[in-house]
């Protein structure tokens, strides 16, 4: 019983503290730059299809940022 408890404790201690994927600061900055680029593009004129693609890309980038960059 003590051995099993020790093994369980070792496994729990060795697990990462955060459940999300950690993203280094440089990678987070790249994602933020991409978000700014898409936002800048959205301030210009675009067709409906382009607007839908830009909106989808912006949602993807923001989700990526919220999952990885903290």
PDB file of N, CA and C in Angstrom:
ATOM      1  N   UNK A   1       0.816  -1.187   0.000  1.00  0.00           N
ATOM      2  CA  UNK A   1       0.000   0.000   0.000  1.00  0.00           C
ATOM      3  C   UNK A   1       0.868   1.262   0.000  1.00  0.00           C
ATOM      4  N   UNK A   2       1.907   1.276   0.844  1.00  0.00           N
ATOM      5  CA  UNK A   2       2.794   2.437   0.903  1.00  0.00           C
ATOM      6  C   UNK A   2       3.529   2.622  -0.422  1.00  0.00           C
ATOM      7  N   UNK A   3       3.908   1.515  -1.053  1.00  0.00           N
ATOM      8  CA  UNK A   3       4.611   1.597  -2.328  1.00  0.00           C
ATOM      9  C   UNK A   3       3.702   2.198  -3.402  1.00  0.00           C
ATOM     10  N   UNK A   4       2.441   1.787  -3.394  1.00  0.00           N
ATOM     11  CA  UNK A   4       1.493   2.308  -4.372  1.00  0.00           C
ATOM     12  C   UNK A   4       1.255   3.804  -4.148  1.00  0.00           C
ATOM     13  N   UNK A   5       1.148   4.203  -2.912  1.00  0.00           N
ATOM     14  CA  UNK A   5       0.966   5.613  -2.579  1.00  0.00           C
ATOM     15  C   UNK A   5       2.185   6.435  -3.001  1.00  0.00           C
ATOM     16  N   UNK A   6       3.370   5.874  -2.794  1.00  0.00           N
ATOM     17  CA  UNK A   6       4.599   6.559  -3.201  1.00  0.00           C
ATOM     18  C   UNK A   6       4.650   6.709  -4.719  1.00  0.00           C
ATOM     19  N   UNK A   7       4.244   5.669  -5.451  1.00  0.00           N
ATOM     20  CA  UNK A   7       4.245   5.737  -6.917  1.00  0.00           C
ATOM     21  C   UNK A   7       3.237   6.781  -7.404  1.00  0.00           C
ATOM     22  N   UNK A   8       2.059   6.794  -6.797  1.00  0.00           N
ATOM     23  CA  UNK A   8       1.045   7.762  -7.185  1.00  0.00           C
ATOM     24  C   UNK A   8       1.509   9.189  -6.927  1.00  0.00           C
ATOM     25  N   UNK A   9       2.133   9.391  -5.796  1.00  0.00           N
ATOM     26  CA  UNK A   9       2.664  10.712  -5.465  1.00  0.00           C
ATOM     27  C   UNK A   9       3.735  11.133  -6.462  1.00  0.00           C
ATOM     28  N   UNK A  10       4.607  10.208  -6.839  1.00  0.00           N
ATOM     29  CA  UNK A  10       5.671  10.507  -7.804  1.00  0.00           C
ATOM     30  C   UNK A  10       5.088  10.901  -9.155  1.00  0.00           C
ATOM     31  N   UNK A  11       4.040  10.210  -9.575  1.00  0.00           N
ATOM     32  CA  UNK A  11       3.413  10.518 -10.856  1.00  0.00           C
ATOM     33  C   UNK A  11       2.764  11.899 -10.811  1.00  0.00           C
ATOM     34  N   UNK A  12       2.046  12.185  -9.736  1.00  0.00           N
ATOM     35  CA  UNK A  12       1.378  13.478  -9.627  1.00  0.00           C
ATOM     36  C   UNK A  12       2.363  14.639  -9.551  1.00  0.00           C
ATOM     37  N   UNK A  13       3.465  14.440  -8.865  1.00  0.00           N
ATOM     38  CA  UNK A  13       4.468  15.490  -8.744  1.00  0.00           C
ATOM     39  C   UNK A  13       5.169  15.736 -10.073  1.00  0.00           C
ATOM     40  N   UNK A  14       5.343  14.690 -10.856  1.00  0.00           N
ATOM     41  CA  UNK A  14       6.062  14.836 -12.117  1.00  0.00           C
ATOM     42  C   UNK A  14       5.194  15.420 -13.231  1.00  0.00           C
ATOM     43  N   UNK A  15       3.878  15.496 -13.044  1.00  0.00           N
ATOM     44  CA  UNK A  15       2.985  16.044 -14.060  1.00  0.00           C
ATOM     45  C   UNK A  15       3.151  17.556 -14.132  1.00  0.00           C
ATOM     46  N   UNK A  16       2.997  18.131 -15.328  1.00  0.00           N
ATOM     47  CA  UNK A  16       3.105  19.589 -15.447  1.00  0.00           C
ATOM     48  C   UNK A  16       2.002  20.274 -14.655  1.00  0.00           C
ATOM     49  N   UNK A  17       2.317  21.452 -14.153  1.00  0.00           N
ATOM     50  CA  UNK A  17       1.369  22.199 -13.332  1.00  0.00           C
ATOM     51  C   UNK A  17       0.194  22.698 -14.163  1.00  0.00           C
ATOM     52  N   UNK A  18       0.435  23.064 -15.396  1.00  0.00           N
ATOM     53  CA  UNK A  18      -0.622  23.607 -16.244  1.00  0.00           C
ATOM     54  C   UNK A  18      -1.095  22.544 -17.230  1.00  0.00           C
ATOM     55  N   UNK A  19      -2.373  22.518 -17.492  1.00  0.00           N
ATOM     56  CA  UNK A  19      -2.933  21.542 -18.412  1.00  0.00           C
ATOM     57  C   UNK A  19      -2.821  22.002 -19.861  1.00  0.00           C
ATOM     58  N   UNK A  20      -2.514  23.265 -20.092  1.00  0.00           N
ATOM     59  CA  UNK A  20      -2.411  23.789 -21.451  1.00  0.00           C
ATOM     60  C   UNK A  20      -0.991  23.630 -21.975  1.00  0.00           C
ATOM     61  N   UNK A  21      -0.846  23.755 -23.285  1.00  0.00           N
ATOM     62  CA  UNK A  21       0.476  23.709 -23.901  1.00  0.00           C
ATOM     63  C   UNK A  21       1.196  25.007 -23.589  1.00  0.00           C
ATOM     64  N   UNK A  22       2.393  24.900 -23.058  1.00  0.00           N
ATOM     65  CA  UNK A  22       3.163  26.101 -22.759  1.00  0.00           C
ATOM     66  C   UNK A  22       3.824  26.587 -24.031  1.00  0.00           C
ATOM     67  N   UNK A  23       3.789  27.850 -24.231  1.00  0.00           N
ATOM     68  CA  UNK A  23       4.364  28.463 -25.416  1.00  0.00           C
ATOM     69  C   UNK A  23       5.412  29.479 -24.966  1.00  0.00           C
ATOM     70  N   UNK A  24       6.639  29.353 -25.436  1.00  0.00           N
ATOM     71  CA  UNK A  24       7.670  30.317 -25.044  1.00  0.00           C
ATOM     72  C   UNK A  24       7.273  31.745 -25.415  1.00  0.00           C
ATOM     73  N   UNK A  25       7.869  32.687 -24.723  1.00  0.00           N
ATOM     74  CA  UNK A  25       7.519  34.099 -24.908  1.00  0.00           C
ATOM     75  C   UNK A  25       7.680  34.548 -26.363  1.00  0.00           C
ATOM     76  N   UNK A  26       8.716  34.080 -27.029  1.00  0.00           N
ATOM     77  CA  UNK A  26       8.926  34.470 -28.428  1.00  0.00           C
ATOM     78  C   UNK A  26       7.793  33.973 -29.317  1.00  0.00           C
ATOM     79  N   UNK A  27       7.320  32.760 -29.069  1.00  0.00           N
ATOM     80  CA  UNK A  27       6.217  32.229 -29.856  1.00  0.00           C
ATOM     81  C   UNK A  27       4.931  33.004 -29.583  1.00  0.00           C
ATOM     82  N   UNK A  28       4.719  33.376 -28.329  1.00  0.00           N
ATOM     83  CA  UNK A  28       3.544  34.175 -27.982  1.00  0.00           C
ATOM     84  C   UNK A  28       3.590  35.521 -28.698  1.00  0.00           C
ATOM     85  N   UNK A  29       4.749  36.098 -28.768  1.00  0.00           N
ATOM     86  CA  UNK A  29       4.897  37.385 -29.448  1.00  0.00           C
ATOM     87  C   UNK A  29       4.582  37.250 -30.936  1.00  0.00           C
ATOM     88  N   UNK A  30       4.981  36.138 -31.551  1.00  0.00           N
ATOM     89  CA  UNK A  30       4.665  35.907 -32.960  1.00  0.00           C
ATOM     90  C   UNK A  30       3.159  35.816 -33.170  1.00  0.00           C
ATOM     91  N   UNK A  31       2.480  35.111 -32.269  1.00  0.00           N
ATOM     92  CA  UNK A  31       1.023  34.994 -32.373  1.00  0.00           C
ATOM     93  C   UNK A  31       0.383  36.371 -32.241  1.00  0.00           C
ATOM     94  N   UNK A  32       0.860  37.167 -31.293  1.00  0.00           N
ATOM     95  CA  UNK A  32       0.317  38.512 -31.101  1.00  0.00           C
ATOM     96  C   UNK A  32       0.546  39.378 -32.343  1.00  0.00           C
ATOM     97  N   UNK A  33       1.711  39.250 -32.957  1.00  0.00           N
ATOM     98  CA  UNK A  33       1.999  40.009 -34.180  1.00  0.00           C
ATOM     99  C   UNK A  33       1.064  39.592 -35.307  1.00  0.00           C
ATOM    100  N   UNK A  34       0.783  38.301 -35.404  1.00  0.00           N
ATOM    101  CA  UNK A  34      -0.132  37.817 -36.441  1.00  0.00           C
ATOM    102  C   UNK A  34      -1.540  38.355 -36.204  1.00  0.00           C
ATOM    103  N   UNK A  35      -1.948  38.405 -34.938  1.00  0.00           N
ATOM    104  CA  UNK A  35      -3.261  38.960 -34.607  1.00  0.00           C
ATOM    105  C   UNK A  35      -3.321  40.419 -35.033  1.00  0.00           C
ATOM    106  N   UNK A  36      -2.279  41.184 -34.715  1.00  0.00           N
ATOM    107  CA  UNK A  36      -2.250  42.605 -35.094  1.00  0.00           C
ATOM    108  C   UNK A  36      -2.291  42.768 -36.608  1.00  0.00           C
ATOM    109  N   UNK A  37      -1.614  41.883 -37.339  1.00  0.00           N
ATOM    110  CA  UNK A  37      -1.600  41.959 -38.801  1.00  0.00           C
ATOM    111  C   UNK A  37      -2.995  41.695 -39.374  1.00  0.00           C
ATOM    112  N   UNK A  38      -3.680  40.696 -38.836  1.00  0.00           N
ATOM    113  CA  UNK A  38      -5.033  40.399 -39.315  1.00  0.00           C
ATOM    114  C   UNK A  38      -5.973  41.548 -38.972  1.00  0.00           C
ATOM    115  N   UNK A  39      -5.854  42.086 -37.761  1.00  0.00           N
ATOM    116  CA  UNK A  39      -6.695  43.226 -37.373  1.00  0.00           C
ATOM    117  C   UNK A  39      -6.449  44.425 -38.284  1.00  0.00           C
ATOM    118  N   UNK A  40      -5.189  44.665 -38.633  1.00  0.00           N
ATOM    119  CA  UNK A  40      -4.865  45.778 -39.534  1.00  0.00           C
ATOM    120  C   UNK A  40      -5.473  45.536 -40.915  1.00  0.00           C
ATOM    121  N   UNK A  41      -5.401  44.297 -41.383  1.00  0.00           N
ATOM    122  CA  UNK A  41      -5.970  43.958 -42.685  1.00  0.00           C
ATOM    123  C   UNK A  41      -7.485  44.141 -42.667  1.00  0.00           C
ATOM    124  N   UNK A  42      -8.105  43.836 -41.523  1.00  0.00           N
ATOM    125  CA  UNK A  42      -9.560  43.966 -41.423  1.00  0.00           C
ATOM    126  C   UNK A  42     -10.010  45.426 -41.414  1.00  0.00           C
ATOM    127  N   UNK A  43      -9.107  46.330 -41.111  1.00  0.00           N
ATOM    128  CA  UNK A  43      -9.459  47.751 -41.151  1.00  0.00           C
ATOM    129  C   UNK A  43      -9.449  48.291 -42.579  1.00  0.00           C
ATOM    130  N   UNK A  44      -8.948  47.503 -43.506  1.00  0.00           N
ATOM    131  CA  UNK A  44      -8.929  47.894 -44.913  1.00  0.00           C
ATOM    132  C   UNK A  44     -10.155  47.283 -45.601  1.00  0.00           C
ATOM    133  N   UNK A  45     -10.374  47.649 -46.835  1.00  0.00           N
ATOM    134  CA  UNK A  45     -11.499  47.084 -47.569  1.00  0.00           C
ATOM    135  C   UNK A  45     -11.254  45.634 -47.955  1.00  0.00           C
ATOM    136  N   UNK A  46     -12.315  44.832 -47.959  1.00  0.00           N
ATOM    137  CA  UNK A  46     -12.199  43.434 -48.352  1.00  0.00           C
ATOM    138  C   UNK A  46     -13.563  42.923 -48.784  1.00  0.00           C
ATOM    139  N   UNK A  47     -13.556  41.836 -49.531  1.00  0.00           N
ATOM    140  CA  UNK A  47     -14.808  41.220 -49.959  1.00  0.00           C
ATOM    141  C   UNK A  47     -15.396  40.402 -48.813  1.00  0.00           C
ATOM    142  N   UNK A  48     -16.622  39.961 -49.022  1.00  0.00           N
ATOM    143  CA  UNK A  48     -17.274  39.155 -47.987  1.00  0.00           C
ATOM    144  C   UNK A  48     -16.480  37.876 -47.713  1.00  0.00           C
ATOM    145  N   UNK A  49     -16.045  37.198 -48.759  1.00  0.00           N
ATOM    146  CA  UNK A  49     -15.285  35.956 -48.592  1.00  0.00           C
ATOM    147  C   UNK A  49     -13.969  36.216 -47.845  1.00  0.00           C
ATOM    148  N   UNK A  50     -13.300  37.298 -48.214  1.00  0.00           N
ATOM    149  CA  UNK A  50     -12.056  37.643 -47.520  1.00  0.00           C
ATOM    150  C   UNK A  50     -12.336  37.955 -46.048  1.00  0.00           C
ATOM    151  N   UNK A  51     -13.423  38.675 -45.785  1.00  0.00           N
ATOM    152  CA  UNK A  51     -13.793  39.007 -44.419  1.00  0.00           C
ATOM    153  C   UNK A  51     -14.064  37.769 -43.586  1.00  0.00           C
ATOM    154  N   UNK A  52     -14.717  36.789 -44.180  1.00  0.00           N
ATOM    155  CA  UNK A  52     -14.987  35.539 -43.465  1.00  0.00           C
ATOM    156  C   UNK A  52     -13.696  34.797 -43.148  1.00  0.00           C
ATOM    157  N   UNK A  53     -12.781  34.777 -44.122  1.00  0.00           N
ATOM    158  CA  UNK A  53     -11.482  34.120 -43.879  1.00  0.00           C
ATOM    159  C   UNK A  53     -10.690  34.852 -42.799  1.00  0.00           C
ATOM    160  N   UNK A  54     -10.695  36.173 -42.868  1.00  0.00           N
ATOM    161  CA  UNK A  54      -9.972  36.961 -41.865  1.00  0.00           C
ATOM    162  C   UNK A  54     -10.558  36.759 -40.470  1.00  0.00           C
ATOM    163  N   UNK A  55     -11.882  36.741 -40.387  1.00  0.00           N
ATOM    164  CA  UNK A  55     -12.536  36.529 -39.086  1.00  0.00           C
ATOM    165  C   UNK A  55     -12.207  35.146 -38.529  1.00  0.00           C
ATOM    166  N   UNK A  56     -12.242  34.134 -39.398  1.00  0.00           N
ATOM    167  CA  UNK A  56     -11.907  32.772 -38.969  1.00  0.00           C
ATOM    168  C   UNK A  56     -10.463  32.699 -38.482  1.00  0.00           C
ATOM    169  N   UNK A  57      -9.566  33.324 -39.231  1.00  0.00           N
ATOM    170  CA  UNK A  57      -8.149  33.323 -38.855  1.00  0.00           C
ATOM    171  C   UNK A  57      -7.936  34.045 -37.520  1.00  0.00           C
ATOM    172  N   UNK A  58      -8.634  35.146 -37.342  1.00  0.00           N
ATOM    173  CA  UNK A  58      -8.522  35.899 -36.092  1.00  0.00           C
ATOM    174  C   UNK A  58      -9.010  35.063 -34.906  1.00  0.00           C
ATOM    175  N   UNK A  59     -10.134  34.351 -35.085  1.00  0.00           N
ATOM    176  CA  UNK A  59     -10.630  33.476 -34.023  1.00  0.00           C
ATOM    177  C   UNK A  59      -9.617  32.386 -33.693  1.00  0.00           C
ATOM    178  N   UNK A  60      -9.011  31.798 -34.729  1.00  0.00           N
ATOM    179  CA  UNK A  60      -8.015  30.739 -34.524  1.00  0.00           C
ATOM    180  C   UNK A  60      -6.807  31.269 -33.754  1.00  0.00           C
ATOM    181  N   UNK A  61      -6.320  32.420 -34.151  1.00  0.00           N
ATOM    182  CA  UNK A  61      -5.153  33.001 -33.488  1.00  0.00           C
ATOM    183  C   UNK A  61      -5.452  33.369 -32.043  1.00  0.00           C
ATOM    184  N   UNK A  62      -6.625  33.932 -31.796  1.00  0.00           N
ATOM    185  CA  UNK A  62      -6.988  34.292 -30.421  1.00  0.00           C
ATOM    186  C   UNK A  62      -7.151  33.047 -29.551  1.00  0.00           C
ATOM    187  N   UNK A  63      -7.697  31.978 -30.116  1.00  0.00           N
ATOM    188  CA  UNK A  63      -7.826  30.722 -29.362  1.00  0.00           C
ATOM    189  C   UNK A  63      -6.441  30.162 -29.053  1.00  0.00           C
ATOM    190  N   UNK A  64      -5.560  30.230 -30.038  1.00  0.00           N
ATOM    191  CA  UNK A  64      -4.178  29.769 -29.843  1.00  0.00           C
ATOM    192  C   UNK A  64      -3.501  30.561 -28.732  1.00  0.00           C
ATOM    193  N   UNK A  65      -3.682  31.867 -28.755  1.00  0.00           N
ATOM    194  CA  UNK A  65      -3.083  32.730 -27.736  1.00  0.00           C
ATOM    195  C   UNK A  65      -3.636  32.401 -26.355  1.00  0.00           C
ATOM    196  N   UNK A  66      -4.936  32.203 -26.257  1.00  0.00           N
ATOM    197  CA  UNK A  66      -5.515  31.948 -24.929  1.00  0.00           C
ATOM    198  C   UNK A  66      -5.128  30.571 -24.393  1.00  0.00           C
ATOM    199  N   UNK A  67      -4.907  29.599 -25.273  1.00  0.00           N
ATOM    200  CA  UNK A  67      -4.512  28.267 -24.829  1.00  0.00           C
ATOM    201  C   UNK A  67      -3.052  28.183 -24.449  1.00  0.00           C
ATOM    202  N   UNK A  68      -2.203  28.865 -25.176  1.00  0.00           N
ATOM    203  CA  UNK A  68      -0.758  28.677 -25.009  1.00  0.00           C
ATOM    204  C   UNK A  68      -0.039  29.777 -24.283  1.00  0.00           C
ATOM    205  N   UNK A  69      -0.517  30.994 -24.379  1.00  0.00           N
ATOM    206  CA  UNK A  69       0.242  32.132 -23.858  1.00  0.00           C
ATOM    207  C   UNK A  69      -0.383  32.656 -22.573  1.00  0.00           C
ATOM    208  N   UNK A  70       0.322  32.478 -21.501  1.00  0.00           N
ATOM    209  CA  UNK A  70      -0.177  32.961 -20.207  1.00  0.00           C
ATOM    210  C   UNK A  70       0.942  33.604 -19.458  1.00  0.00           C
TER     211      UNK A  70
END
